[in-house]
Amino acid sequence: MKKYPHIFLALFCWLLWGCTKTIKIDIPGSEPQPVLNVLLQTGDDIVNASLNMSVPFESTDEPTYPGDALVRLYDNDSLAGILEICERNPVYNENSIDTQYIYCMPYPVQAGHTYKVEADIPGFKTISGQSTAPFTPDVQNLKYDSFSRALQFTIRDNDPASNYYRIEITAIDTSGISGFGQVVFSTADYSLELLGATNELIDLPVEDPSGTYAFTSDQVFSGGVKTIQLSLLGGDLSSTAQYMVIVTHCSKEFYDFSRTNIIHTFNGNNPFNEPVQLFSNIKNGLGIVAAFNTQFYPVEF
């Protein structure tokens, strides 16, 4: 046996090779899918929809934009009308020029109404998504203390549906020389989710939490009312800027999409960050149909 070690080694390798099995893994998203994006602002008088085809991750192709889709709008399950192409925007690819088609229809977006958008693209199943338009956020008793940099206000929820709120603060340069943009803030309110200072949601309690966005649900309101208390970080800009509180009353779909989109934006192209799957509520496709109601409230000093 010692004279022929190579024979037994070859026999062992042959047996090992004969026991292997090739498994083909079906990776999700390997085929193009239709993508429908519709954001509905309560109070708007026009509905816009964009359509494109997704690009598989292993492909080097550019997205394509169907211009032969049939797009329908439903208001509380009743057909409201057909969206027509109203914009043709050039898309400059590496070696070609394509056209992105925007479908639109004059139609008022009313609070409390549920809107569904369906799209038929040749060769694919009907794709659809829906969302209910929220009421206008009711913000009261807005106060700011320039010494402590504490901002406080009350949100009164008048919407019978269960929804969410997104809070931002911007500083606008009143001299017109330059803009300041979003303001970073912190809070000790454990019912708020903070996002925007890092690429992850901040779960309170932690030391010195901060963010540029705060999310909360009307489920944590007491008697339909919630007092928001925030501490503005950085230097005080009240002498040269106008602080603006931006409150967005939004549907569950907008809340989930907004959170994942912000994390995706902050992740950037860093290969060490965990991949983010953007929220989608589109049946038989990808994308988002979501309703929201954004209002701006200037801070008086």
C-alpha atoms as a PDB file:
ATOM      1  CA  MET A   1       0.000   0.000   0.000  1.00  0.00           C
ATOM      2  CA  LYS A   2       2.910   2.322   0.711  1.00  0.00           C
ATOM      3  CA  LYS A   3       4.175   1.779  -2.838  1.00  0.00           C
ATOM      4  CA  TYR A   4       1.131   3.367  -4.460  1.00  0.00           C
ATOM      5  CA  PRO A   5       0.081   6.376  -2.349  1.00  0.00           C
ATOM      6  CA  HIS A   6      -0.730   8.401  -5.445  1.00  0.00           C
ATOM      7  CA  ILE A   7      -3.285   5.817  -6.584  1.00  0.00           C
ATOM      8  CA  PHE A   8      -5.232   5.994  -3.331  1.00  0.00           C
ATOM      9  CA  LEU A   9      -5.029   9.806  -3.330  1.00  0.00           C
ATOM     10  CA  ALA A  10      -6.440   9.942  -6.853  1.00  0.00           C
ATOM     11  CA  LEU A  11      -9.191   7.466  -5.903  1.00  0.00           C
ATOM     12  CA  PHE A  12     -10.101   9.552  -2.836  1.00  0.00           C
ATOM     13  CA  CYS A  13     -10.325  12.763  -4.897  1.00  0.00           C
ATOM     14  CA  TRP A  14     -12.464  10.995  -7.501  1.00  0.00           C
ATOM     15  CA  LEU A  15     -14.888   9.781  -4.821  1.00  0.00           C
ATOM     16  CA  LEU A  16     -15.003  13.242  -3.229  1.00  0.00           C
ATOM     17  CA  TRP A  17     -15.699  14.893  -6.587  1.00  0.00           C
ATOM     18  CA  GLY A  18     -18.376  12.340  -7.343  1.00  0.00           C
ATOM     19  CA  CYS A  19     -20.234  13.300  -4.144  1.00  0.00           C
ATOM     20  CA  THR A  20     -20.422  17.004  -4.923  1.00  0.00           C
ATOM     21  CA  LYS A  21     -23.605  18.606  -6.197  1.00  0.00           C
ATOM     22  CA  THR A  22     -23.928  21.872  -8.038  1.00  0.00           C
ATOM     23  CA  ILE A  23     -26.662  24.066  -6.551  1.00  0.00           C
ATOM     24  CA  LYS A  24     -27.988  26.974  -8.560  1.00  0.00           C
ATOM     25  CA  ILE A  25     -29.094  29.824  -6.333  1.00  0.00           C
ATOM     26  CA  ASP A  26     -31.998  31.890  -7.570  1.00  0.00           C
ATOM     27  CA  ILE A  27     -31.105  35.415  -6.465  1.00  0.00           C
ATOM     28  CA  PRO A  28     -34.132  37.714  -5.962  1.00  0.00           C
ATOM     29  CA  GLY A  29     -34.269  40.737  -8.221  1.00  0.00           C
ATOM     30  CA  SER A  30     -32.422  39.060 -11.092  1.00  0.00           C
ATOM     31  CA  GLU A  31     -35.171  40.065 -13.533  1.00  0.00           C
ATOM     32  CA  PRO A  32     -36.327  43.627 -14.321  1.00  0.00           C
ATOM     33  CA  GLN A  33     -39.443  44.680 -12.418  1.00  0.00           C
ATOM     34  CA  PRO A  34     -41.786  47.617 -12.982  1.00  0.00           C
ATOM     35  CA  VAL A  35     -41.329  50.473 -10.507  1.00  0.00           C
ATOM     36  CA  LEU A  36     -44.182  52.861  -9.645  1.00  0.00           C
ATOM     37  CA  ASN A  37     -43.629  55.994  -7.534  1.00  0.00           C
ATOM     38  CA  VAL A  38     -46.477  58.272  -6.426  1.00  0.00           C
ATOM     39  CA  LEU A  39     -46.289  60.737  -3.512  1.00  0.00           C
ATOM     40  CA  LEU A  40     -49.602  62.383  -2.634  1.00  0.00           C
ATOM     41  CA  GLN A  41     -49.575  65.701  -0.759  1.00  0.00           C
ATOM     42  CA  THR A  42     -52.909  66.504   0.879  1.00  0.00           C
ATOM     43  CA  GLY A  43     -54.266  69.694  -0.661  1.00  0.00           C
ATOM     44  CA  ASP A  44     -52.523  69.308  -4.013  1.00  0.00           C
ATOM     45  CA  ASP A  45     -54.714  69.567  -7.097  1.00  0.00           C
ATOM     46  CA  ILE A  46     -52.691  67.286  -9.367  1.00  0.00           C
ATOM     47  CA  VAL A  47     -51.518  63.664  -9.094  1.00  0.00           C
ATOM     48  CA  ASN A  48     -48.139  62.705 -10.591  1.00  0.00           C
ATOM     49  CA  ALA A  49     -46.767  59.214 -11.196  1.00  0.00           C
ATOM     50  CA  SER A  50     -43.397  58.049 -12.494  1.00  0.00           C
ATOM     51  CA  LEU A  51     -42.672  54.624 -13.982  1.00  0.00           C
ATOM     52  CA  ASN A  52     -39.452  52.830 -14.800  1.00  0.00           C
ATOM     53  CA  MET A  53     -38.046  49.329 -15.034  1.00  0.00           C
ATOM     54  CA  SER A  54     -35.626  48.165 -12.350  1.00  0.00           C
ATOM     55  CA  VAL A  55     -32.110  47.051 -13.279  1.00  0.00           C
ATOM     56  CA  PRO A  56     -30.832  43.708 -11.886  1.00  0.00           C
ATOM     57  CA  PHE A  57     -27.830  44.210  -9.632  1.00  0.00           C
ATOM     58  CA  GLU A  58     -25.541  42.136 -11.873  1.00  0.00           C
ATOM     59  CA  SER A  59     -26.523  44.099 -14.992  1.00  0.00           C
ATOM     60  CA  THR A  60     -24.687  47.086 -16.462  1.00  0.00           C
ATOM     61  CA  ASP A  61     -27.767  48.267 -18.370  1.00  0.00           C
ATOM     62  CA  GLU A  62     -29.446  51.603 -17.729  1.00  0.00           C
ATOM     63  CA  PRO A  63     -33.041  51.887 -16.435  1.00  0.00           C
ATOM     64  CA  THR A  64     -35.762  52.109 -19.053  1.00  0.00           C
ATOM     65  CA  TYR A  65     -38.902  54.223 -18.870  1.00  0.00           C
ATOM     66  CA  PRO A  66     -42.144  52.865 -20.343  1.00  0.00           C
ATOM     67  CA  GLY A  67     -44.102  55.412 -22.332  1.00  0.00           C
ATOM     68  CA  ASP A  68     -46.959  53.081 -23.246  1.00  0.00           C
ATOM     69  CA  ALA A  69     -48.380  52.373 -19.775  1.00  0.00           C
ATOM     70  CA  LEU A  70     -52.022  52.717 -18.798  1.00  0.00           C
ATOM     71  CA  VAL A  71     -52.180  54.438 -15.387  1.00  0.00           C
ATOM     72  CA  ARG A  72     -55.454  54.652 -13.441  1.00  0.00           C
ATOM     73  CA  LEU A  73     -56.360  56.612 -10.300  1.00  0.00           C
ATOM     74  CA  TYR A  74     -59.012  55.410  -7.839  1.00  0.00           C
ATOM     75  CA  ASP A  75     -60.571  57.557  -5.117  1.00  0.00           C
ATOM     76  CA  ASN A  76     -62.163  55.462  -2.345  1.00  0.00           C
ATOM     77  CA  ASP A  77     -62.386  52.491  -4.769  1.00  0.00           C
ATOM     78  CA  SER A  78     -64.107  54.550  -7.490  1.00  0.00           C
ATOM     79  CA  LEU A  79     -62.291  55.181 -10.775  1.00  0.00           C
ATOM     80  CA  ALA A  80     -61.316  58.865 -10.820  1.00  0.00           C
ATOM     81  CA  GLY A  81     -59.656  58.884 -14.232  1.00  0.00           C
ATOM     82  CA  ILE A  82     -56.657  58.019 -16.397  1.00  0.00           C
ATOM     83  CA  LEU A  83     -53.263  59.668 -15.951  1.00  0.00           C
ATOM     84  CA  GLU A  84     -51.730  60.952 -19.179  1.00  0.00           C
ATOM     85  CA  ILE A  85     -48.117  61.732 -20.060  1.00  0.00           C
ATOM     86  CA  CYS A  86     -47.515  65.363 -19.102  1.00  0.00           C
ATOM     87  CA  GLU A  87     -43.699  65.531 -18.980  1.00  0.00           C
ATOM     88  CA  ARG A  88     -40.915  64.095 -21.102  1.00  0.00           C
ATOM     89  CA  ASN A  89     -37.601  64.526 -19.325  1.00  0.00           C
ATOM     90  CA  PRO A  90     -34.323  63.640 -21.074  1.00  0.00           C
ATOM     91  CA  VAL A  91     -32.165  61.085 -19.275  1.00  0.00           C
ATOM     92  CA  TYR A  92     -28.504  61.155 -20.301  1.00  0.00           C
ATOM     93  CA  ASN A  93     -26.965  57.694 -20.071  1.00  0.00           C
ATOM     94  CA  GLU A  94     -23.342  56.844 -20.744  1.00  0.00           C
ATOM     95  CA  ASN A  95     -23.831  56.081 -24.427  1.00  0.00           C
ATOM     96  CA  SER A  96     -27.378  57.195 -25.165  1.00  0.00           C
ATOM     97  CA  ILE A  97     -30.211  59.556 -24.343  1.00  0.00           C
ATOM     98  CA  ASP A  98     -33.461  58.152 -22.971  1.00  0.00           C
ATOM     99  CA  THR A  99     -36.750  59.781 -21.999  1.00  0.00           C
ATOM    100  CA  GLN A 100     -38.460  59.605 -18.616  1.00  0.00           C
ATOM    101  CA  TYR A 101     -42.219  59.949 -18.815  1.00  0.00           C
ATOM    102  CA  ILE A 102     -44.238  61.547 -16.022  1.00  0.00           C
ATOM    103  CA  TYR A 103     -47.925  60.664 -15.935  1.00  0.00           C
ATOM    104  CA  CYS A 104     -50.284  63.174 -14.355  1.00  0.00           C
ATOM    105  CA  MET A 105     -53.922  64.083 -13.891  1.00  0.00           C
ATOM    106  CA  PRO A 106     -55.622  67.167 -12.427  1.00  0.00           C
ATOM    107  CA  TYR A 107     -57.347  65.885  -9.311  1.00  0.00           C
ATOM    108  CA  PRO A 108     -57.653  67.213  -5.730  1.00  0.00           C
ATOM    109  CA  VAL A 109     -56.019  65.171  -2.960  1.00  0.00           C
ATOM    110  CA  GLN A 110     -58.404  65.348  -0.004  1.00  0.00           C
ATOM    111  CA  ALA A 111     -57.760  64.407   3.610  1.00  0.00           C
ATOM    112  CA  GLY A 112     -59.339  61.135   4.674  1.00  0.00           C
ATOM    113  CA  HIS A 113     -59.626  59.775   1.123  1.00  0.00           C
ATOM    114  CA  THR A 114     -57.875  56.559   0.121  1.00  0.00           C
ATOM    115  CA  TYR A 115     -56.162  56.726  -3.262  1.00  0.00           C
ATOM    116  CA  LYS A 116     -55.049  53.735  -5.302  1.00  0.00           C
ATOM    117  CA  VAL A 117     -52.897  53.944  -8.412  1.00  0.00           C
ATOM    118  CA  GLU A 118     -52.786  51.063 -10.901  1.00  0.00           C
ATOM    119  CA  ALA A 119     -50.479  50.757 -13.894  1.00  0.00           C
ATOM    120  CA  ASP A 120     -50.565  48.320 -16.798  1.00  0.00           C
ATOM    121  CA  ILE A 121     -47.233  47.887 -18.597  1.00  0.00           C
ATOM    122  CA  PRO A 122     -47.209  45.546 -21.623  1.00  0.00           C
ATOM    123  CA  GLY A 123     -45.713  42.182 -20.704  1.00  0.00           C
ATOM    124  CA  PHE A 124     -46.206  42.534 -16.936  1.00  0.00           C
ATOM    125  CA  LYS A 125     -48.940  42.009 -14.383  1.00  0.00           C
ATOM    126  CA  THR A 126     -50.898  45.039 -13.193  1.00  0.00           C
ATOM    127  CA  ILE A 127     -48.973  46.870 -10.471  1.00  0.00           C
ATOM    128  CA  SER A 128     -50.707  48.930  -7.792  1.00  0.00           C
ATOM    129  CA  GLY A 129     -50.346  50.700  -4.465  1.00  0.00           C
ATOM    130  CA  GLN A 130     -52.586  52.744  -2.210  1.00  0.00           C
ATOM    131  CA  SER A 131     -52.507  55.182   0.703  1.00  0.00           C
ATOM    132  CA  THR A 132     -54.884  57.390   2.706  1.00  0.00           C
ATOM    133  CA  ALA A 133     -54.289  61.157   2.719  1.00  0.00           C
ATOM    134  CA  PRO A 134     -53.792  62.502   6.276  1.00  0.00           C
ATOM    135  CA  PHE A 135     -55.266  65.663   7.759  1.00  0.00           C
ATOM    136  CA  THR A 136     -53.290  68.893   8.257  1.00  0.00           C
ATOM    137  CA  PRO A 137     -51.027  68.725  11.333  1.00  0.00           C
ATOM    138  CA  ASP A 138     -52.232  71.021  14.107  1.00  0.00           C
ATOM    139  CA  VAL A 139     -49.167  72.584  15.770  1.00  0.00           C
ATOM    140  CA  GLN A 140     -49.708  74.957  18.697  1.00  0.00           C
ATOM    141  CA  ASN A 141     -47.793  76.856  21.412  1.00  0.00           C
ATOM    142  CA  LEU A 142     -44.488  77.011  19.540  1.00  0.00           C
ATOM    143  CA  LYS A 143     -41.823  78.444  21.869  1.00  0.00           C
ATOM    144  CA  TYR A 144     -38.046  78.848  21.653  1.00  0.00           C
ATOM    145  CA  ASP A 145     -35.617  79.842  24.409  1.00  0.00           C
ATOM    146  CA  SER A 146     -32.449  81.269  22.827  1.00  0.00           C
ATOM    147  CA  PHE A 147     -30.519  80.928  26.111  1.00  0.00           C
ATOM    148  CA  SER A 148     -31.093  77.197  26.616  1.00  0.00           C
ATOM    149  CA  ARG A 149     -31.751  76.576  22.903  1.00  0.00           C
ATOM    150  CA  ALA A 150     -34.868  74.621  23.906  1.00  0.00           C
ATOM    151  CA  LEU A 151     -37.711  74.339  21.401  1.00  0.00           C
ATOM    152  CA  GLN A 152     -41.166  73.249  22.514  1.00  0.00           C
ATOM    153  CA  PHE A 153     -44.509  72.868  20.764  1.00  0.00           C
ATOM    154  CA  THR A 154     -47.691  70.819  20.922  1.00  0.00           C
ATOM    155  CA  ILE A 155     -49.197  68.593  18.235  1.00  0.00           C
ATOM    156  CA  ARG A 156     -52.941  68.020  18.403  1.00  0.00           C
ATOM    157  CA  ASP A 157     -54.019  64.989  16.374  1.00  0.00           C
ATOM    158  CA  ASN A 158     -57.426  65.466  14.730  1.00  0.00           C
ATOM    159  CA  ASP A 159     -57.213  62.525  12.326  1.00  0.00           C
ATOM    160  CA  PRO A 160     -59.393  59.488  13.135  1.00  0.00           C
ATOM    161  CA  ALA A 161     -56.893  57.221  11.348  1.00  0.00           C
ATOM    162  CA  SER A 162     -53.703  55.947  12.967  1.00  0.00           C
ATOM    163  CA  ASN A 163     -50.768  57.834  11.450  1.00  0.00           C
ATOM    164  CA  TYR A 164     -47.258  59.133  12.065  1.00  0.00           C
ATOM    165  CA  TYR A 165     -45.447  62.461  12.323  1.00  0.00           C
ATOM    166  CA  ARG A 166     -42.026  63.474  11.020  1.00  0.00           C
ATOM    167  CA  ILE A 167     -40.340  66.555  12.501  1.00  0.00           C
ATOM    168  CA  GLU A 168     -37.497  68.619  11.014  1.00  0.00           C
ATOM    169  CA  ILE A 169     -35.980  72.005  11.827  1.00  0.00           C
ATOM    170  CA  THR A 170     -34.297  74.285   9.307  1.00  0.00           C
ATOM    171  CA  ALA A 171     -32.462  77.577   9.702  1.00  0.00           C
ATOM    172  CA  ILE A 172     -32.945  80.123   6.915  1.00  0.00           C
ATOM    173  CA  ASP A 173     -30.426  82.950   6.613  1.00  0.00           C
ATOM    174  CA  THR A 174     -32.457  86.164   6.788  1.00  0.00           C
ATOM    175  CA  SER A 175     -29.590  88.236   5.376  1.00  0.00           C
ATOM    176  CA  GLY A 176     -29.740  86.329   2.107  1.00  0.00           C
ATOM    177  CA  ILE A 177     -25.978  85.799   2.112  1.00  0.00           C
ATOM    178  CA  SER A 178     -26.027  82.043   2.680  1.00  0.00           C
ATOM    179  CA  GLY A 179     -28.362  79.258   3.725  1.00  0.00           C
ATOM    180  CA  PHE A 180     -27.879  77.185   6.859  1.00  0.00           C
ATOM    181  CA  GLY A 181     -30.039  74.133   6.144  1.00  0.00           C
ATOM    182  CA  GLN A 182     -31.132  71.471   8.587  1.00  0.00           C
ATOM    183  CA  VAL A 183     -30.534  71.866  12.315  1.00  0.00           C
ATOM    184  CA  VAL A 184     -29.280  68.985  14.460  1.00  0.00           C
ATOM    185  CA  PHE A 185     -31.215  68.496  17.685  1.00  0.00           C
ATOM    186  CA  SER A 186     -31.465  66.141  20.643  1.00  0.00           C
ATOM    187  CA  THR A 187     -34.263  65.033  22.948  1.00  0.00           C
ATOM    188  CA  ALA A 188     -34.881  63.140  26.158  1.00  0.00           C
ATOM    189  CA  ASP A 189     -38.288  61.951  24.917  1.00  0.00           C
ATOM    190  CA  TYR A 190     -38.021  58.177  24.576  1.00  0.00           C
ATOM    191  CA  SER A 191     -41.152  58.012  22.390  1.00  0.00           C
ATOM    192  CA  LEU A 192     -39.330  59.826  19.560  1.00  0.00           C
ATOM    193  CA  GLU A 193     -37.173  58.052  16.984  1.00  0.00           C
ATOM    194  CA  LEU A 194     -34.178  60.121  15.915  1.00  0.00           C
ATOM    195  CA  LEU A 195     -32.511  59.779  12.539  1.00  0.00           C
ATOM    196  CA  GLY A 196     -30.141  61.776  10.386  1.00  0.00           C
ATOM    197  CA  ALA A 197     -27.007  62.204  12.505  1.00  0.00           C
ATOM    198  CA  THR A 198     -25.905  58.632  11.730  1.00  0.00           C
ATOM    199  CA  ASN A 199     -27.045  55.951   9.297  1.00  0.00           C
ATOM    200  CA  GLU A 200     -29.174  54.154  11.881  1.00  0.00           C
ATOM    201  CA  LEU A 201     -32.238  54.950  13.925  1.00  0.00           C
ATOM    202  CA  ILE A 202     -31.326  55.920  17.471  1.00  0.00           C
ATOM    203  CA  ASP A 203     -33.085  53.866  20.118  1.00  0.00           C
ATOM    204  CA  LEU A 204     -33.366  55.895  23.299  1.00  0.00           C
ATOM    205  CA  PRO A 205     -32.123  55.988  25.981  1.00  0.00           C
ATOM    206  CA  VAL A 206     -28.546  56.641  24.909  1.00  0.00           C
ATOM    207  CA  GLU A 207     -26.064  59.311  25.899  1.00  0.00           C
ATOM    208  CA  ASP A 208     -26.360  62.546  23.906  1.00  0.00           C
ATOM    209  CA  PRO A 209     -28.686  61.291  21.131  1.00  0.00           C
ATOM    210  CA  SER A 210     -28.995  63.620  18.156  1.00  0.00           C
ATOM    211  CA  GLY A 211     -30.566  63.733  14.720  1.00  0.00           C
ATOM    212  CA  THR A 212     -32.044  65.923  11.997  1.00  0.00           C
ATOM    213  CA  TYR A 213     -35.334  64.003  11.871  1.00  0.00           C
ATOM    214  CA  ALA A 214     -37.674  62.859  14.630  1.00  0.00           C
ATOM    215  CA  PHE A 215     -40.509  60.380  14.110  1.00  0.00           C
ATOM    216  CA  THR A 216     -43.427  59.640  16.385  1.00  0.00           C
ATOM    217  CA  SER A 217     -46.746  57.814  16.206  1.00  0.00           C
ATOM    218  CA  ASP A 218     -50.115  59.205  17.261  1.00  0.00           C
ATOM    219  CA  GLN A 219     -50.468  56.005  19.304  1.00  0.00           C
ATOM    220  CA  VAL A 220     -48.245  57.576  21.985  1.00  0.00           C
ATOM    221  CA  PHE A 221     -50.337  60.758  22.191  1.00  0.00           C
ATOM    222  CA  SER A 222     -52.289  61.401  25.385  1.00  0.00           C
ATOM    223  CA  GLY A 223     -55.851  62.423  24.651  1.00  0.00           C
ATOM    224  CA  GLY A 224     -54.840  63.210  21.070  1.00  0.00           C
ATOM    225  CA  VAL A 225     -52.158  65.668  22.213  1.00  0.00           C
ATOM    226  CA  LYS A 226     -48.368  65.421  22.458  1.00  0.00           C
ATOM    227  CA  THR A 227     -45.828  67.996  23.607  1.00  0.00           C
ATOM    228  CA  ILE A 228     -42.540  67.911  21.708  1.00  0.00           C
ATOM    229  CA  GLN A 229     -39.392  69.131  23.474  1.00  0.00           C
ATOM    230  CA  LEU A 230     -36.146  69.427  21.514  1.00  0.00           C
ATOM    231  CA  SER A 231     -32.732  70.914  22.254  1.00  0.00           C
ATOM    232  CA  LEU A 232     -31.062  72.580  19.271  1.00  0.00           C
ATOM    233  CA  LEU A 233     -27.364  71.757  18.946  1.00  0.00           C
ATOM    234  CA  GLY A 234     -24.555  73.884  17.536  1.00  0.00           C
ATOM    235  CA  GLY A 235     -24.332  77.653  17.729  1.00  0.00           C
ATOM    236  CA  ASP A 236     -27.388  79.841  18.228  1.00  0.00           C
ATOM    237  CA  LEU A 237     -28.528  81.279  14.894  1.00  0.00           C
ATOM    238  CA  SER A 238     -31.533  83.253  16.112  1.00  0.00           C
ATOM    239  CA  SER A 239     -29.825  86.613  15.487  1.00  0.00           C
ATOM    240  CA  THR A 240     -29.095  85.913  11.812  1.00  0.00           C
ATOM    241  CA  ALA A 241     -31.552  83.195  10.832  1.00  0.00           C
ATOM    242  CA  GLN A 242     -35.225  82.291  10.891  1.00  0.00           C
ATOM    243  CA  TYR A 243     -35.887  78.899  12.433  1.00  0.00           C
ATOM    244  CA  MET A 244     -38.602  76.882  10.713  1.00  0.00           C
ATOM    245  CA  VAL A 245     -40.259  73.786  12.171  1.00  0.00           C
ATOM    246  CA  ILE A 246     -41.418  71.363   9.471  1.00  0.00           C
ATOM    247  CA  VAL A 247     -44.057  68.872  10.583  1.00  0.00           C
ATOM    248  CA  THR A 248     -45.223  66.134   8.232  1.00  0.00           C
ATOM    249  CA  HIS A 249     -48.357  64.195   9.121  1.00  0.00           C
ATOM    250  CA  CYS A 250     -47.974  60.986   7.149  1.00  0.00           C
ATOM    251  CA  SER A 251     -49.418  57.590   6.400  1.00  0.00           C
ATOM    252  CA  LYS A 252     -47.761  54.355   7.519  1.00  0.00           C
ATOM    253  CA  GLU A 253     -46.464  53.869   3.958  1.00  0.00           C
ATOM    254  CA  PHE A 254     -44.803  57.298   3.880  1.00  0.00           C
ATOM    255  CA  TYR A 255     -43.336  56.720   7.356  1.00  0.00           C
ATOM    256  CA  ASP A 256     -41.715  53.407   6.376  1.00  0.00           C
ATOM    257  CA  PHE A 257     -40.480  54.765   3.047  1.00  0.00           C
ATOM    258  CA  SER A 258     -39.107  57.971   4.582  1.00  0.00           C
ATOM    259  CA  ARG A 259     -37.168  56.118   7.291  1.00  0.00           C
ATOM    260  CA  THR A 260     -35.503  53.677   4.909  1.00  0.00           C
ATOM    261  CA  ASN A 261     -34.825  56.413   2.347  1.00  0.00           C
ATOM    262  CA  ILE A 262     -33.053  58.599   4.930  1.00  0.00           C
ATOM    263  CA  ILE A 263     -30.908  55.676   6.107  1.00  0.00           C
ATOM    264  CA  HIS A 264     -30.109  54.824   2.478  1.00  0.00           C
ATOM    265  CA  THR A 265     -29.077  58.444   1.833  1.00  0.00           C
ATOM    266  CA  PHE A 266     -26.797  58.572   4.875  1.00  0.00           C
ATOM    267  CA  ASN A 267     -25.248  55.218   3.962  1.00  0.00           C
ATOM    268  CA  GLY A 268     -23.988  56.715   0.711  1.00  0.00           C
ATOM    269  CA  ASN A 269     -21.544  54.501  -1.162  1.00  0.00           C
ATOM    270  CA  ASN A 270     -19.738  53.240   1.929  1.00  0.00           C
ATOM    271  CA  PRO A 271     -19.105  49.509   1.280  1.00  0.00           C
ATOM    272  CA  PHE A 272     -18.856  48.838   5.028  1.00  0.00           C
ATOM    273  CA  ASN A 273     -22.406  50.005   5.748  1.00  0.00           C
ATOM    274  CA  GLU A 274     -25.200  47.474   5.905  1.00  0.00           C
ATOM    275  CA  PRO A 275     -27.325  47.462   2.710  1.00  0.00           C
ATOM    276  CA  VAL A 276     -30.712  49.140   3.062  1.00  0.00           C
ATOM    277  CA  GLN A 277     -33.843  47.759   1.427  1.00  0.00           C
ATOM    278  CA  LEU A 278     -36.113  50.667   0.538  1.00  0.00           C
ATOM    279  CA  PHE A 279     -39.679  50.117   1.698  1.00  0.00           C
ATOM    280  CA  SER A 280     -42.147  49.275  -1.069  1.00  0.00           C
ATOM    281  CA  ASN A 281     -45.921  48.811  -0.985  1.00  0.00           C
ATOM    282  CA  ILE A 282     -46.368  48.074  -4.694  1.00  0.00           C
ATOM    283  CA  LYS A 283     -48.159  44.841  -5.559  1.00  0.00           C
ATOM    284  CA  ASN A 284     -46.432  42.900  -8.398  1.00  0.00           C
ATOM    285  CA  GLY A 285     -43.608  45.446  -8.542  1.00  0.00           C
ATOM    286  CA  LEU A 286     -41.468  47.928  -6.650  1.00  0.00           C
ATOM    287  CA  GLY A 287     -41.834  51.538  -5.558  1.00  0.00           C
ATOM    288  CA  ILE A 288     -44.142  53.528  -3.333  1.00  0.00           C
ATOM    289  CA  VAL A 289     -47.603  55.058  -3.258  1.00  0.00           C
ATOM    290  CA  ALA A 290     -47.756  57.166  -0.097  1.00  0.00           C
ATOM    291  CA  ALA A 291     -49.688  60.162   1.208  1.00  0.00           C
ATOM    292  CA  PHE A 292     -48.444  62.964   3.452  1.00  0.00           C
ATOM    293  CA  ASN A 293     -49.285  66.474   4.622  1.00  0.00           C
ATOM    294  CA  THR A 294     -46.340  68.812   5.267  1.00  0.00           C
ATOM    295  CA  GLN A 295     -46.720  72.198   6.958  1.00  0.00           C
ATOM    296  CA  PHE A 296     -44.147  74.881   7.854  1.00  0.00           C
ATOM    297  CA  TYR A 297     -44.203  76.784  11.149  1.00  0.00           C
ATOM    298  CA  PRO A 298     -41.860  79.769  11.683  1.00  0.00           C
ATOM    299  CA  VAL A 299     -40.386  80.154  15.164  1.00  0.00           C
ATOM    300  CA  GLU A 300     -41.066  83.579  16.642  1.00  0.00           C
ATOM    301  CA  PHE A 301     -38.408  85.014  18.966  1.00  0.00           C
END
